Amino acid sequence: MTVSTTTMRIPGEAADDQVMDSIAQAVRDASKSAVQHATTVKSAVTGTGLIQSVSRVSYTGAYAIAFGIVYTVVFVTQFIPQDNPVMDGFNDGARAAIDAVKGI
């Protein structure tokens, strides 16, 4: 005795399966692309290029600010008369700073 079974397909069911398969493939492709992009971004951020650039900009900015402040103070003090309370305060402060550094 032979038993035969047949599956009755609903019209459009095959098309639905193909749509679902294509959606699943698209999600897999998007996932792979996202992982590759994340890896690329991670290597770019942790690579020496970005960190070195940020370090260089930080150093240059701090140097420029410090140089600008010191240069401005020295330039202004050259135009202030030397025999007055402001210059006496600058001189006393400079001597105190030097003595503090020597004492360390």
Protein backbone atom coordinates (compact mmCIF):
# COMPACT_ATOMS: atom_id res chain seq x y z
CA MET A 1 0.00 0.00 0.00
CA THR A 2 1.35 3.31 -1.04
CA VAL A 3 0.43 6.45 0.74
CA SER A 4 0.82 9.65 -1.11
CA THR A 5 0.49 13.03 0.44
CA THR A 6 0.24 16.22 -1.39
CA THR A 7 0.55 19.63 0.02
CA MET A 8 -1.84 22.10 -1.22
CA ARG A 9 -0.19 25.46 -1.75
CA ILE A 10 -2.07 28.61 -1.36
CA PRO A 11 -1.56 30.96 -4.28
CA GLY A 12 0.91 33.66 -3.32
CA GLU A 13 2.52 31.60 -0.53
CA ALA A 14 5.63 30.96 -2.64
CA ALA A 15 5.91 34.66 -3.30
CA ASP A 16 5.66 35.35 0.44
CA ASP A 17 8.47 32.86 1.11
CA GLN A 18 10.65 34.57 -1.48
CA VAL A 19 9.92 37.96 0.05
CA MET A 20 10.83 36.69 3.52
CA ASP A 21 14.02 35.11 2.17
CA SER A 22 15.03 38.33 0.47
CA ILE A 23 14.31 40.32 3.66
CA ALA A 24 16.37 37.87 5.71
CA GLN A 25 19.26 38.18 3.25
CA ALA A 26 19.02 41.97 3.37
CA VAL A 27 19.18 41.91 7.18
CA ARG A 28 22.23 39.60 7.05
CA ASP A 29 23.94 41.93 4.58
CA ALA A 30 23.13 44.98 6.70
CA SER A 31 24.48 43.23 9.77
CA LYS A 32 27.74 42.39 8.01
CA SER A 33 28.05 45.97 6.75
CA ALA A 34 27.42 47.36 10.23
CA VAL A 35 30.08 45.11 11.75
CA GLN A 36 32.59 46.06 9.06
CA HIS A 37 31.82 49.76 9.51
CA ALA A 38 32.14 49.49 13.29
CA THR A 39 35.50 47.77 12.90
CA THR A 40 36.69 50.47 10.53
CA VAL A 41 35.58 53.27 12.85
CA LYS A 42 37.14 51.57 15.87
CA SER A 43 40.48 51.17 14.11
CA ALA A 44 40.35 54.80 12.95
CA VAL A 45 39.64 56.08 16.46
CA THR A 46 42.12 53.86 18.26
CA GLY A 47 44.73 54.14 15.55
CA THR A 48 47.72 56.39 16.03
CA GLY A 49 46.43 58.98 13.56
CA LEU A 50 43.53 60.40 15.56
CA ILE A 51 45.17 60.15 18.97
CA GLN A 52 48.37 61.72 17.66
CA SER A 53 46.40 64.54 16.03
CA VAL A 54 44.44 65.28 19.21
CA SER A 55 47.66 65.18 21.21
CA ARG A 56 49.42 67.53 18.81
CA VAL A 57 46.50 70.00 18.79
CA SER A 58 46.33 69.95 22.60
CA TYR A 59 50.06 70.55 22.94
CA THR A 60 50.12 73.31 20.33
CA GLY A 61 47.09 75.02 21.88
CA ALA A 62 48.52 74.90 25.40
CA TYR A 63 51.89 76.14 24.16
CA ALA A 64 50.30 79.03 22.26
CA ILE A 65 48.19 80.07 25.24
CA ALA A 66 51.11 79.88 27.68
CA PHE A 67 53.43 81.72 25.29
CA GLY A 68 50.79 84.38 24.69
CA ILE A 69 50.26 84.95 28.41
CA VAL A 70 53.96 85.07 29.29
CA TYR A 71 54.86 87.23 26.29
CA THR A 72 52.06 89.65 27.06
CA VAL A 73 53.06 89.95 30.74
CA VAL A 74 56.71 90.53 29.84
CA PHE A 75 55.76 93.03 27.15
CA VAL A 76 53.45 94.97 29.50
CA THR A 77 55.99 95.00 32.33
CA GLN A 78 58.54 96.62 30.03
CA PHE A 79 56.27 99.65 29.63
CA ILE A 80 55.41 100.03 33.31
CA PRO A 81 57.82 102.32 35.17
CA GLN A 82 60.23 100.24 37.22
CA ASP A 83 60.03 102.21 40.46
CA ASN A 84 56.44 101.71 41.61
CA PRO A 85 54.46 99.37 43.87
CA VAL A 86 53.25 97.15 40.99
CA MET A 87 56.79 96.38 39.81
CA ASP A 88 57.96 95.91 43.39
CA GLY A 89 55.16 93.32 43.78
CA PHE A 90 56.20 91.55 40.57
CA ASN A 91 59.84 91.47 41.70
CA ASP A 92 58.96 90.20 45.18
CA GLY A 93 56.67 87.55 43.72
CA ALA A 94 59.35 86.41 41.27
CA ARG A 95 61.94 86.15 44.05
CA ALA A 96 59.49 84.19 46.24
CA ALA A 97 58.76 81.80 43.38
CA ILE A 98 62.47 81.24 42.72
CA ASP A 99 63.13 80.66 46.44
CA ALA A 100 60.22 78.20 46.61
CA VAL A 101 61.55 76.24 43.65
CA LYS A 102 65.09 76.16 45.06
CA GLY A 103 63.75 74.94 48.39
CA ILE A 104 62.10 71.92 46.76
